């Protein structure tokens, strides 16, 4: 049986420790029956509070986010409407008024 890569850092050096899987590189621990997948194999994306996100949801930014390649900052509390969920490290694709198209990580937003 091949163990899955770490969901946090994508390391392939995961190992079993009792009922949990452990990543030796980032020390992330998770259950093999992780909440991050549904029974049909579809990925579930959750916000910082554990609410399941869906395409078209409105979210709010929970901390100031620096915009890479710019001196701009997306302020805490900024509302982002009509998000689109995508695969990858930055799993939210959206447009933010005053900034344009952005990719955000779901761990830095909360569902409104």
PDB file of N, CA and C in Angstrom:
ATOM      1  N   UNK A   1       0.843  -1.181   0.000  1.00  0.00           N
ATOM      2  CA  UNK A   1       0.000   0.000   0.000  1.00  0.00           C
ATOM      3  C   UNK A   1       0.888   1.245   0.000  1.00  0.00           C
ATOM      4  N   UNK A   2       0.596   2.165  -0.894  1.00  0.00           N
ATOM      5  CA  UNK A   2       1.365   3.404  -0.975  1.00  0.00           C
ATOM      6  C   UNK A   2       0.657   4.489  -0.178  1.00  0.00           C
ATOM      7  N   UNK A   3       1.391   5.147   0.703  1.00  0.00           N
ATOM      8  CA  UNK A   3       0.811   6.204   1.516  1.00  0.00           C
ATOM      9  C   UNK A   3       0.705   7.491   0.708  1.00  0.00           C
ATOM     10  N   UNK A   4      -0.329   8.320   0.986  1.00  0.00           N
ATOM     11  CA  UNK A   4      -0.493   9.574   0.242  1.00  0.00           C
ATOM     12  C   UNK A   4       0.560  10.605   0.653  1.00  0.00           C
ATOM     13  N   UNK A   5       0.812  11.554  -0.237  1.00  0.00           N
ATOM     14  CA  UNK A   5       1.716  12.665   0.088  1.00  0.00           C
ATOM     15  C   UNK A   5       1.090  13.541   1.153  1.00  0.00           C
ATOM     16  N   UNK A   6       1.917  14.294   1.843  1.00  0.00           N
ATOM     17  CA  UNK A   6       1.445  15.215   2.873  1.00  0.00           C
ATOM     18  C   UNK A   6       0.546  16.277   2.230  1.00  0.00           C
ATOM     19  N   UNK A   7      -0.649  16.515   2.800  1.00  0.00           N
ATOM     20  CA  UNK A   7      -1.538  17.525   2.228  1.00  0.00           C
ATOM     21  C   UNK A   7      -1.052  18.963   2.467  1.00  0.00           C
ATOM     22  N   UNK A   8      -0.119  19.134   3.387  1.00  0.00           N
ATOM     23  CA  UNK A   8       0.364  20.481   3.699  1.00  0.00           C
ATOM     24  C   UNK A   8       1.576  20.870   2.860  1.00  0.00           C
ATOM     25  N   UNK A   9       2.580  19.989   2.759  1.00  0.00           N
ATOM     26  CA  UNK A   9       3.814  20.342   2.041  1.00  0.00           C
ATOM     27  C   UNK A   9       4.082  19.436   0.834  1.00  0.00           C
ATOM     28  N   UNK A  10       3.207  18.459   0.611  1.00  0.00           N
ATOM     29  CA  UNK A  10       3.293  17.527  -0.517  1.00  0.00           C
ATOM     30  C   UNK A  10       4.523  16.614  -0.460  1.00  0.00           C
ATOM     31  N   UNK A  11       5.069  16.396   0.704  1.00  0.00           N
ATOM     32  CA  UNK A  11       6.207  15.497   0.869  1.00  0.00           C
ATOM     33  C   UNK A  11       5.770  14.055   0.635  1.00  0.00           C
ATOM     34  N   UNK A  12       6.635  13.274   0.025  1.00  0.00           N
ATOM     35  CA  UNK A  12       6.314  11.872  -0.228  1.00  0.00           C
ATOM     36  C   UNK A  12       6.841  10.953   0.878  1.00  0.00           C
ATOM     37  N   UNK A  13       7.438  11.510   1.920  1.00  0.00           N
ATOM     38  CA  UNK A  13       8.041  10.716   2.991  1.00  0.00           C
ATOM     39  C   UNK A  13       7.120  10.498   4.179  1.00  0.00           C
ATOM     40  N   UNK A  14       5.827  10.398   3.958  1.00  0.00           N
ATOM     41  CA  UNK A  14       4.872  10.202   5.049  1.00  0.00           C
ATOM     42  C   UNK A  14       4.992   8.797   5.625  1.00  0.00           C
ATOM     43  N   UNK A  15       4.600   8.650   6.885  1.00  0.00           N
ATOM     44  CA  UNK A  15       4.607   7.331   7.521  1.00  0.00           C
ATOM     45  C   UNK A  15       3.433   7.233   8.479  1.00  0.00           C
ATOM     46  N   UNK A  16       3.085   5.994   8.833  1.00  0.00           N
ATOM     47  CA  UNK A  16       1.969   5.754   9.744  1.00  0.00           C
ATOM     48  C   UNK A  16       2.459   5.766  11.186  1.00  0.00           C
ATOM     49  N   UNK A  17       1.645   6.363  12.060  1.00  0.00           N
ATOM     50  CA  UNK A  17       1.915   6.361  13.498  1.00  0.00           C
ATOM     51  C   UNK A  17       0.592   6.066  14.187  1.00  0.00           C
ATOM     52  N   UNK A  18       0.347   4.800  14.438  1.00  0.00           N
ATOM     53  CA  UNK A  18      -0.936   4.399  15.013  1.00  0.00           C
ATOM     54  C   UNK A  18      -2.038   4.602  13.982  1.00  0.00           C
ATOM     55  N   UNK A  19      -3.035   5.419  14.326  1.00  0.00           N
ATOM     56  CA  UNK A  19      -4.159   5.685  13.428  1.00  0.00           C
ATOM     57  C   UNK A  19      -3.933   6.925  12.568  1.00  0.00           C
ATOM     58  N   UNK A  20      -2.800   7.593  12.712  1.00  0.00           N
ATOM     59  CA  UNK A  20      -2.526   8.835  11.987  1.00  0.00           C
ATOM     60  C   UNK A  20      -1.416   8.650  10.970  1.00  0.00           C
ATOM     61  N   UNK A  21      -1.402   9.534   9.986  1.00  0.00           N
ATOM     62  CA  UNK A  21      -0.288   9.645   9.062  1.00  0.00           C
ATOM     63  C   UNK A  21       0.509  10.874   9.473  1.00  0.00           C
ATOM     64  N   UNK A  22       1.837  10.805   9.353  1.00  0.00           N
ATOM     65  CA  UNK A  22       2.709  11.879   9.818  1.00  0.00           C
ATOM     66  C   UNK A  22       3.688  12.250   8.705  1.00  0.00           C
ATOM     67  N   UNK A  23       3.955  13.549   8.578  1.00  0.00           N
ATOM     68  CA  UNK A  23       4.957  14.028   7.636  1.00  0.00           C
ATOM     69  C   UNK A  23       6.208  14.408   8.432  1.00  0.00           C
ATOM     70  N   UNK A  24       7.360  13.799   8.170  1.00  0.00           N
ATOM     71  CA  UNK A  24       8.572  14.124   8.924  1.00  0.00           C
ATOM     72  C   UNK A  24       9.165  15.480   8.551  1.00  0.00           C
ATOM     73  N   UNK A  25       8.779  16.029   7.403  1.00  0.00           N
ATOM     74  CA  UNK A  25       9.356  17.297   6.960  1.00  0.00           C
ATOM     75  C   UNK A  25       8.681  18.510   7.593  1.00  0.00           C
ATOM     76  N   UNK A  26       7.326  18.491   7.702  1.00  0.00           N
ATOM     77  CA  UNK A  26       6.641  19.659   8.270  1.00  0.00           C
ATOM     78  C   UNK A  26       5.911  19.323   9.572  1.00  0.00           C
ATOM     79  N   UNK A  27       5.986  18.067  10.031  1.00  0.00           N
ATOM     80  CA  UNK A  27       5.381  17.596  11.288  1.00  0.00           C
ATOM     81  C   UNK A  27       3.858  17.639  11.269  1.00  0.00           C
ATOM     82  N   UNK A  28       3.251  17.675  10.081  1.00  0.00           N
ATOM     83  CA  UNK A  28       1.787  17.668   9.963  1.00  0.00           C
ATOM     84  C   UNK A  28       1.280  16.256  10.217  1.00  0.00           C
ATOM     85  N   UNK A  29       0.202  16.135  11.009  1.00  0.00           N
ATOM     86  CA  UNK A  29      -0.425  14.850  11.290  1.00  0.00           C
ATOM     87  C   UNK A  29      -1.862  14.902  10.813  1.00  0.00           C
ATOM     88  N   UNK A  30      -2.354  13.809  10.197  1.00  0.00           N
ATOM     89  CA  UNK A  30      -3.730  13.771   9.740  1.00  0.00           C
ATOM     90  C   UNK A  30      -4.225  12.346   9.714  1.00  0.00           C
ATOM     91  N   UNK A  31      -5.530  12.208   9.661  1.00  0.00           N
ATOM     92  CA  UNK A  31      -6.171  10.901   9.621  1.00  0.00           C
ATOM     93  C   UNK A  31      -6.221  10.407   8.182  1.00  0.00           C
ATOM     94  N   UNK A  32      -6.009   9.111   7.958  1.00  0.00           N
ATOM     95  CA  UNK A  32      -6.101   8.594   6.585  1.00  0.00           C
ATOM     96  C   UNK A  32      -7.488   8.817   5.975  1.00  0.00           C
ATOM     97  N   UNK A  33      -8.523   8.823   6.800  1.00  0.00           N
ATOM     98  CA  UNK A  33      -9.868   9.135   6.343  1.00  0.00           C
ATOM     99  C   UNK A  33     -10.092  10.630   6.522  1.00  0.00           C
ATOM    100  N   UNK A  34      -9.203  11.420   5.948  1.00  0.00           N
ATOM    101  CA  UNK A  34      -9.180  12.871   6.160  1.00  0.00           C
ATOM    102  C   UNK A  34     -10.478  13.517   5.722  1.00  0.00           C
ATOM    103  N   UNK A  35     -10.797  14.615   6.408  1.00  0.00           N
ATOM    104  CA  UNK A  35     -11.983  15.383   6.071  1.00  0.00           C
ATOM    105  C   UNK A  35     -11.807  16.099   4.738  1.00  0.00           C
ATOM    106  N   UNK A  36     -10.608  16.100   4.199  1.00  0.00           N
ATOM    107  CA  UNK A  36     -10.336  16.821   2.968  1.00  0.00           C
ATOM    108  C   UNK A  36     -10.820  16.127   1.711  1.00  0.00           C
ATOM    109  N   UNK A  37     -11.386  14.930   1.837  1.00  0.00           N
ATOM    110  CA  UNK A  37     -11.920  14.261   0.657  1.00  0.00           C
ATOM    111  C   UNK A  37     -13.291  13.698   0.963  1.00  0.00           C
ATOM    112  N   UNK A  38     -14.141  13.659  -0.057  1.00  0.00           N
ATOM    113  CA  UNK A  38     -15.447  13.046   0.094  1.00  0.00           C
ATOM    114  C   UNK A  38     -15.342  11.603  -0.339  1.00  0.00           C
ATOM    115  N   UNK A  39     -16.408  10.839  -0.140  1.00  0.00           N
ATOM    116  CA  UNK A  39     -16.380   9.420  -0.465  1.00  0.00           C
ATOM    117  C   UNK A  39     -16.148   9.160  -1.954  1.00  0.00           C
ATOM    118  N   UNK A  40     -16.560  10.080  -2.833  1.00  0.00           N
ATOM    119  CA  UNK A  40     -16.355   9.882  -4.266  1.00  0.00           C
ATOM    120  C   UNK A  40     -15.006  10.412  -4.740  1.00  0.00           C
ATOM    121  N   UNK A  41     -14.134  10.824  -3.816  1.00  0.00           N
ATOM    122  CA  UNK A  41     -12.800  11.274  -4.152  1.00  0.00           C
ATOM    123  C   UNK A  41     -12.697  12.759  -4.455  1.00  0.00           C
ATOM    124  N   UNK A  42     -13.819  13.473  -4.426  1.00  0.00           N
ATOM    125  CA  UNK A  42     -13.803  14.908  -4.701  1.00  0.00           C
ATOM    126  C   UNK A  42     -13.245  15.657  -3.494  1.00  0.00           C
ATOM    127  N   UNK A  43     -12.404  16.652  -3.736  1.00  0.00           N
ATOM    128  CA  UNK A  43     -11.764  17.409  -2.673  1.00  0.00           C
ATOM    129  C   UNK A  43     -12.739  18.408  -2.054  1.00  0.00           C
ATOM    130  N   UNK A  44     -12.723  18.512  -0.727  1.00  0.00           N
ATOM    131  CA  UNK A  44     -13.562  19.460  -0.014  1.00  0.00           C
ATOM    132  C   UNK A  44     -12.658  20.580   0.490  1.00  0.00           C
ATOM    133  N   UNK A  45     -13.012  21.814   0.177  1.00  0.00           N
ATOM    134  CA  UNK A  45     -12.222  22.962   0.602  1.00  0.00           C
ATOM    135  C   UNK A  45     -12.983  23.679   1.710  1.00  0.00           C
ATOM    136  N   UNK A  46     -12.289  23.905   2.825  1.00  0.00           N
ATOM    137  CA  UNK A  46     -12.910  24.533   3.992  1.00  0.00           C
ATOM    138  C   UNK A  46     -12.226  25.851   4.307  1.00  0.00           C
ATOM    139  N   UNK A  47     -12.992  26.767   4.919  1.00  0.00           N
ATOM    140  CA  UNK A  47     -12.428  28.055   5.323  1.00  0.00           C
ATOM    141  C   UNK A  47     -11.712  27.917   6.666  1.00  0.00           C
ATOM    142  N   UNK A  48     -11.272  29.027   7.223  1.00  0.00           N
ATOM    143  CA  UNK A  48     -10.512  29.001   8.477  1.00  0.00           C
ATOM    144  C   UNK A  48     -11.331  28.491   9.654  1.00  0.00           C
ATOM    145  N   UNK A  49     -12.662  28.554   9.578  1.00  0.00           N
ATOM    146  CA  UNK A  49     -13.524  28.090  10.660  1.00  0.00           C
ATOM    147  C   UNK A  49     -14.050  26.676  10.430  1.00  0.00           C
ATOM    148  N   UNK A  50     -13.659  26.035   9.333  1.00  0.00           N
ATOM    149  CA  UNK A  50     -14.099  24.678   9.052  1.00  0.00           C
ATOM    150  C   UNK A  50     -15.379  24.591   8.241  1.00  0.00           C
ATOM    151  N   UNK A  51     -15.908  25.730   7.755  1.00  0.00           N
ATOM    152  CA  UNK A  51     -17.101  25.713   6.909  1.00  0.00           C
ATOM    153  C   UNK A  51     -16.713  25.296   5.495  1.00  0.00           C
ATOM    154  N   UNK A  52     -17.531  24.454   4.878  1.00  0.00           N
ATOM    155  CA  UNK A  52     -17.265  23.990   3.520  1.00  0.00           C
ATOM    156  C   UNK A  52     -17.557  25.124   2.545  1.00  0.00           C
ATOM    157  N   UNK A  53     -16.599  25.382   1.647  1.00  0.00           N
ATOM    158  CA  UNK A  53     -16.759  26.425   0.646  1.00  0.00           C
ATOM    159  C   UNK A  53     -17.236  25.821  -0.667  1.00  0.00           C
ATOM    160  N   UNK A  54     -18.018  26.612  -1.420  1.00  0.00           N
ATOM    161  CA  UNK A  54     -18.506  26.191  -2.729  1.00  0.00           C
ATOM    162  C   UNK A  54     -18.320  27.328  -3.714  1.00  0.00           C
ATOM    163  N   UNK A  55     -18.327  26.999  -5.005  1.00  0.00           N
ATOM    164  CA  UNK A  55     -18.255  28.033  -6.039  1.00  0.00           C
ATOM    165  C   UNK A  55     -19.397  29.027  -5.847  1.00  0.00           C
ATOM    166  N   UNK A  56     -19.092  30.317  -5.991  1.00  0.00           N
ATOM    167  CA  UNK A  56     -20.103  31.358  -5.887  1.00  0.00           C
ATOM    168  C   UNK A  56     -20.283  31.924  -4.493  1.00  0.00           C
ATOM    169  N   UNK A  57     -19.629  31.342  -3.487  1.00  0.00           N
ATOM    170  CA  UNK A  57     -19.739  31.850  -2.109  1.00  0.00           C
ATOM    171  C   UNK A  57     -19.095  33.225  -1.985  1.00  0.00           C
ATOM    172  N   UNK A  58     -19.483  33.933  -0.921  1.00  0.00           N
ATOM    173  CA  UNK A  58     -18.848  35.188  -0.551  1.00  0.00           C
ATOM    174  C   UNK A  58     -18.037  34.936   0.712  1.00  0.00           C
ATOM    175  N   UNK A  59     -16.782  35.371   0.703  1.00  0.00           N
ATOM    176  CA  UNK A  59     -15.900  35.176   1.851  1.00  0.00           C
ATOM    177  C   UNK A  59     -15.309  36.508   2.284  1.00  0.00           C
ATOM    178  N   UNK A  60     -14.746  36.526   3.480  1.00  0.00           N
ATOM    179  CA  UNK A  60     -14.091  37.703   4.037  1.00  0.00           C
ATOM    180  C   UNK A  60     -12.663  37.330   4.422  1.00  0.00           C
ATOM    181  N   UNK A  61     -11.717  38.202   4.156  1.00  0.00           N
ATOM    182  CA  UNK A  61     -10.310  37.967   4.474  1.00  0.00           C
ATOM    183  C   UNK A  61     -10.119  38.143   5.986  1.00  0.00           C
ATOM    184  N   UNK A  62      -9.401  37.213   6.642  1.00  0.00           N
ATOM    185  CA  UNK A  62      -9.273  37.248   8.102  1.00  0.00           C
ATOM    186  C   UNK A  62      -7.969  37.871   8.594  1.00  0.00           C
ATOM    187  N   UNK A  63      -7.049  38.203   7.683  1.00  0.00           N
ATOM    188  CA  UNK A  63      -5.819  38.881   8.089  1.00  0.00           C
ATOM    189  C   UNK A  63      -5.296  39.687   6.911  1.00  0.00           C
ATOM    190  N   UNK A  64      -4.479  40.693   7.187  1.00  0.00           N
ATOM    191  CA  UNK A  64      -3.879  41.479   6.111  1.00  0.00           C
ATOM    192  C   UNK A  64      -2.991  40.578   5.270  1.00  0.00           C
ATOM    193  N   UNK A  65      -3.176  40.638   3.946  1.00  0.00           N
ATOM    194  CA  UNK A  65      -2.406  39.793   3.034  1.00  0.00           C
ATOM    195  C   UNK A  65      -1.577  40.663   2.110  1.00  0.00           C
ATOM    196  N   UNK A  66      -0.278  40.429   2.092  1.00  0.00           N
ATOM    197  CA  UNK A  66       0.604  41.151   1.178  1.00  0.00           C
ATOM    198  C   UNK A  66       0.376  40.616  -0.231  1.00  0.00           C
ATOM    199  N   UNK A  67       0.369  41.528  -1.207  1.00  0.00           N
ATOM    200  CA  UNK A  67       0.207  41.135  -2.594  1.00  0.00           C
ATOM    201  C   UNK A  67       1.595  40.973  -3.192  1.00  0.00           C
ATOM    202  N   UNK A  68       1.900  39.763  -3.647  1.00  0.00           N
ATOM    203  CA  UNK A  68       3.221  39.469  -4.185  1.00  0.00           C
ATOM    204  C   UNK A  68       3.504  40.334  -5.413  1.00  0.00           C
ATOM    205  N   UNK A  69       4.680  40.944  -5.462  1.00  0.00           N
ATOM    206  CA  UNK A  69       5.070  41.773  -6.589  1.00  0.00           C
ATOM    207  C   UNK A  69       4.521  43.181  -6.529  1.00  0.00           C
ATOM    208  N   UNK A  70       3.970  43.557  -5.379  1.00  0.00           N
ATOM    209  CA  UNK A  70       3.377  44.880  -5.226  1.00  0.00           C
ATOM    210  C   UNK A  70       3.557  45.336  -3.787  1.00  0.00           C
ATOM    211  N   UNK A  71       3.427  46.626  -3.564  1.00  0.00           N
ATOM    212  CA  UNK A  71       3.499  47.136  -2.191  1.00  0.00           C
ATOM    213  C   UNK A  71       2.117  47.196  -1.562  1.00  0.00           C
ATOM    214  N   UNK A  72       1.096  46.742  -2.290  1.00  0.00           N
ATOM    215  CA  UNK A  72      -0.283  46.767  -1.811  1.00  0.00           C
ATOM    216  C   UNK A  72      -0.545  45.677  -0.778  1.00  0.00           C
ATOM    217  N   UNK A  73      -1.598  45.900   0.013  1.00  0.00           N
ATOM    218  CA  UNK A  73      -2.025  44.941   1.019  1.00  0.00           C
ATOM    219  C   UNK A  73      -3.536  44.785   0.920  1.00  0.00           C
ATOM    220  N   UNK A  74      -4.011  43.542   0.967  1.00  0.00           N
ATOM    221  CA  UNK A  74      -5.445  43.293   1.051  1.00  0.00           C
ATOM    222  C   UNK A  74      -5.784  43.304   2.530  1.00  0.00           C
ATOM    223  N   UNK A  75      -6.602  44.267   2.930  1.00  0.00           N
ATOM    224  CA  UNK A  75      -6.889  44.495   4.350  1.00  0.00           C
ATOM    225  C   UNK A  75      -7.817  43.434   4.933  1.00  0.00           C
ATOM    226  N   UNK A  76      -7.697  43.235   6.236  1.00  0.00           N
ATOM    227  CA  UNK A  76      -8.575  42.340   6.968  1.00  0.00           C
ATOM    228  C   UNK A  76     -10.016  42.828   6.790  1.00  0.00           C
ATOM    229  N   UNK A  77     -10.932  41.886   6.608  1.00  0.00           N
ATOM    230  CA  UNK A  77     -12.336  42.232   6.460  1.00  0.00           C
ATOM    231  C   UNK A  77     -12.770  42.480   5.025  1.00  0.00           C
ATOM    232  N   UNK A  78     -11.840  42.463   4.080  1.00  0.00           N
ATOM    233  CA  UNK A  78     -12.199  42.656   2.670  1.00  0.00           C
ATOM    234  C   UNK A  78     -13.111  41.526   2.225  1.00  0.00           C
ATOM    235  N   UNK A  79     -14.279  41.892   1.655  1.00  0.00           N
ATOM    236  CA  UNK A  79     -15.219  40.876   1.180  1.00  0.00           C
ATOM    237  C   UNK A  79     -14.899  40.525  -0.258  1.00  0.00           C
ATOM    238  N   UNK A  80     -14.934  39.229  -0.526  1.00  0.00           N
ATOM    239  CA  UNK A  80     -14.672  38.710  -1.865  1.00  0.00           C
ATOM    240  C   UNK A  80     -15.912  37.943  -2.290  1.00  0.00           C
ATOM    241  N   UNK A  81     -16.554  38.401  -3.361  1.00  0.00           N
ATOM    242  CA  UNK A  81     -17.798  37.789  -3.827  1.00  0.00           C
ATOM    243  C   UNK A  81     -17.519  36.834  -4.980  1.00  0.00           C
ATOM    244  N   UNK A  82     -18.398  35.842  -5.112  1.00  0.00           N
ATOM    245  CA  UNK A  82     -18.406  34.932  -6.250  1.00  0.00           C
ATOM    246  C   UNK A  82     -17.053  34.238  -6.463  1.00  0.00           C
ATOM    247  N   UNK A  83     -16.592  33.518  -5.433  1.00  0.00           N
ATOM    248  CA  UNK A  83     -15.312  32.807  -5.538  1.00  0.00           C
ATOM    249  C   UNK A  83     -15.456  31.580  -6.434  1.00  0.00           C
ATOM    250  N   UNK A  84     -14.332  31.113  -6.945  1.00  0.00           N
ATOM    251  CA  UNK A  84     -14.288  29.882  -7.722  1.00  0.00           C
ATOM    252  C   UNK A  84     -13.210  28.996  -7.117  1.00  0.00           C
ATOM    253  N   UNK A  85     -13.536  27.756  -6.822  1.00  0.00           N
ATOM    254  CA  UNK A  85     -12.592  26.827  -6.212  1.00  0.00           C
ATOM    255  C   UNK A  85     -11.782  26.129  -7.290  1.00  0.00           C
ATOM    256  N   UNK A  86     -10.474  26.048  -7.069  1.00  0.00           N
ATOM    257  CA  UNK A  86      -9.555  25.424  -8.021  1.00  0.00           C
ATOM    258  C   UNK A  86      -8.600  24.512  -7.270  1.00  0.00           C
ATOM    259  N   UNK A  87      -7.922  23.627  -7.988  1.00  0.00           N
ATOM    260  CA  UNK A  87      -6.916  22.764  -7.384  1.00  0.00           C
ATOM    261  C   UNK A  87      -5.617  23.541  -7.258  1.00  0.00           C
ATOM    262  N   UNK A  88      -4.825  23.173  -6.271  1.00  0.00           N
ATOM    263  CA  UNK A  88      -3.528  23.808  -6.081  1.00  0.00           C
ATOM    264  C   UNK A  88      -3.367  24.345  -4.679  1.00  0.00           C
ATOM    265  N   UNK A  89      -2.220  24.943  -4.427  1.00  0.00           N
ATOM    266  CA  UNK A  89      -1.909  25.508  -3.119  1.00  0.00           C
ATOM    267  C   UNK A  89      -2.841  26.674  -2.798  1.00  0.00           C
ATOM    268  N   UNK A  90      -3.012  27.573  -3.753  1.00  0.00           N
ATOM    269  CA  UNK A  90      -3.956  28.681  -3.616  1.00  0.00           C
ATOM    270  C   UNK A  90      -5.257  28.199  -4.248  1.00  0.00           C
ATOM    271  N   UNK A  91      -6.216  27.761  -3.404  1.00  0.00           N
ATOM    272  CA  UNK A  91      -7.372  27.039  -3.906  1.00  0.00           C
ATOM    273  C   UNK A  91      -8.611  27.882  -4.163  1.00  0.00           C
ATOM    274  N   UNK A  92      -8.500  29.218  -4.067  1.00  0.00           N
ATOM    275  CA  UNK A  92      -9.612  30.105  -4.379  1.00  0.00           C
ATOM    276  C   UNK A  92      -9.175  31.071  -5.469  1.00  0.00           C
ATOM    277  N   UNK A  93      -9.953  31.116  -6.541  1.00  0.00           N
ATOM    278  CA  UNK A  93      -9.722  32.042  -7.644  1.00  0.00           C
ATOM    279  C   UNK A  93     -10.823  33.095  -7.561  1.00  0.00           C
ATOM    280  N   UNK A  94     -10.483  34.383  -7.590  1.00  0.00           N
ATOM    281  CA  UNK A  94     -11.483  35.417  -7.402  1.00  0.00           C
ATOM    282  C   UNK A  94     -11.030  36.743  -8.003  1.00  0.00           C
ATOM    283  N   UNK A  95     -11.944  37.713  -7.986  1.00  0.00           N
ATOM    284  CA  UNK A  95     -11.616  39.085  -8.363  1.00  0.00           C
ATOM    285  C   UNK A  95     -11.910  39.956  -7.158  1.00  0.00           C
ATOM    286  N   UNK A  96     -10.948  40.796  -6.793  1.00  0.00           N
ATOM    287  CA  UNK A  96     -11.107  41.691  -5.649  1.00  0.00           C
ATOM    288  C   UNK A  96     -11.155  43.115  -6.180  1.00  0.00           C
ATOM    289  N   UNK A  97     -12.187  43.857  -5.785  1.00  0.00           N
ATOM    290  CA  UNK A  97     -12.331  45.240  -6.224  1.00  0.00           C
ATOM    291  C   UNK A  97     -11.089  46.039  -5.856  1.00  0.00           C
ATOM    292  N   UNK A  98     -10.528  46.735  -6.829  1.00  0.00           N
ATOM    293  CA  UNK A  98      -9.344  47.546  -6.603  1.00  0.00           C
ATOM    294  C   UNK A  98      -8.040  46.801  -6.800  1.00  0.00           C
ATOM    295  N   UNK A  99      -8.086  45.464  -6.898  1.00  0.00           N
ATOM    296  CA  UNK A  99      -6.876  44.658  -7.080  1.00  0.00           C
ATOM    297  C   UNK A  99      -6.918  43.829  -8.354  1.00  0.00           C
ATOM    298  N   UNK A 100      -8.093  43.359  -8.749  1.00  0.00           N
ATOM    299  CA  UNK A 100      -8.225  42.514  -9.930  1.00  0.00           C
ATOM    300  C   UNK A 100      -8.228  41.045  -9.568  1.00  0.00           C
ATOM    301  N   UNK A 101      -7.815  40.213 -10.515  1.00  0.00           N
ATOM    302  CA  UNK A 101      -7.823  38.758 -10.329  1.00  0.00           C
ATOM    303  C   UNK A 101      -6.781  38.345  -9.296  1.00  0.00           C
ATOM    304  N   UNK A 102      -7.172  37.460  -8.392  1.00  0.00           N
ATOM    305  CA  UNK A 102      -6.299  36.988  -7.313  1.00  0.00           C
ATOM    306  C   UNK A 102      -6.517  35.505  -7.084  1.00  0.00           C
ATOM    307  N   UNK A 103      -5.522  34.885  -6.499  1.00  0.00           N
ATOM    308  CA  UNK A 103      -5.645  33.524  -5.976  1.00  0.00           C
ATOM    309  C   UNK A 103      -5.393  33.618  -4.481  1.00  0.00           C
ATOM    310  N   UNK A 104      -6.270  33.027  -3.692  1.00  0.00           N
ATOM    311  CA  UNK A 104      -6.161  33.060  -2.236  1.00  0.00           C
ATOM    312  C   UNK A 104      -6.106  31.645  -1.677  1.00  0.00           C
ATOM    313  N   UNK A 105      -5.554  31.522  -0.498  1.00  0.00           N
ATOM    314  CA  UNK A 105      -5.586  30.256   0.231  1.00  0.00           C
ATOM    315  C   UNK A 105      -6.828  30.261   1.115  1.00  0.00           C
ATOM    316  N   UNK A 106      -7.512  29.130   1.163  1.00  0.00           N
ATOM    317  CA  UNK A 106      -8.753  29.037   1.939  1.00  0.00           C
ATOM    318  C   UNK A 106      -8.517  29.223   3.436  1.00  0.00           C
ATOM    319  N   UNK A 107      -7.302  29.012   3.913  1.00  0.00           N
ATOM    320  CA  UNK A 107      -7.021  29.156   5.342  1.00  0.00           C
ATOM    321  C   UNK A 107      -7.024  30.613   5.799  1.00  0.00           C
ATOM    322  N   UNK A 108      -7.037  31.569   4.847  1.00  0.00           N
ATOM    323  CA  UNK A 108      -7.019  32.990   5.203  1.00  0.00           C
ATOM    324  C   UNK A 108      -8.354  33.678   4.956  1.00  0.00           C
ATOM    325  N   UNK A 109      -9.425  32.907   4.751  1.00  0.00           N
ATOM    326  CA  UNK A 109     -10.748  33.497   4.540  1.00  0.00           C
ATOM    327  C   UNK A 109     -11.759  32.814   5.431  1.00  0.00           C
ATOM    328  N   UNK A 110     -12.902  33.497   5.649  1.00  0.00           N
ATOM    329  CA  UNK A 110     -14.019  32.884   6.344  1.00  0.00           C
ATOM    330  C   UNK A 110     -15.282  33.152   5.540  1.00  0.00           C
ATOM    331  N   UNK A 111     -16.185  32.205   5.572  1.00  0.00           N
ATOM    332  CA  UNK A 111     -17.424  32.312   4.818  1.00  0.00           C
ATOM    333  C   UNK A 111     -18.320  33.363   5.466  1.00  0.00           C
ATOM    334  N   UNK A 112     -18.958  34.188   4.648  1.00  0.00           N
ATOM    335  CA  UNK A 112     -19.844  35.248   5.166  1.00  0.00           C
ATOM    336  C   UNK A 112     -21.255  34.753   5.162  1.00  0.00           C
TER     337      UNK A 112
END
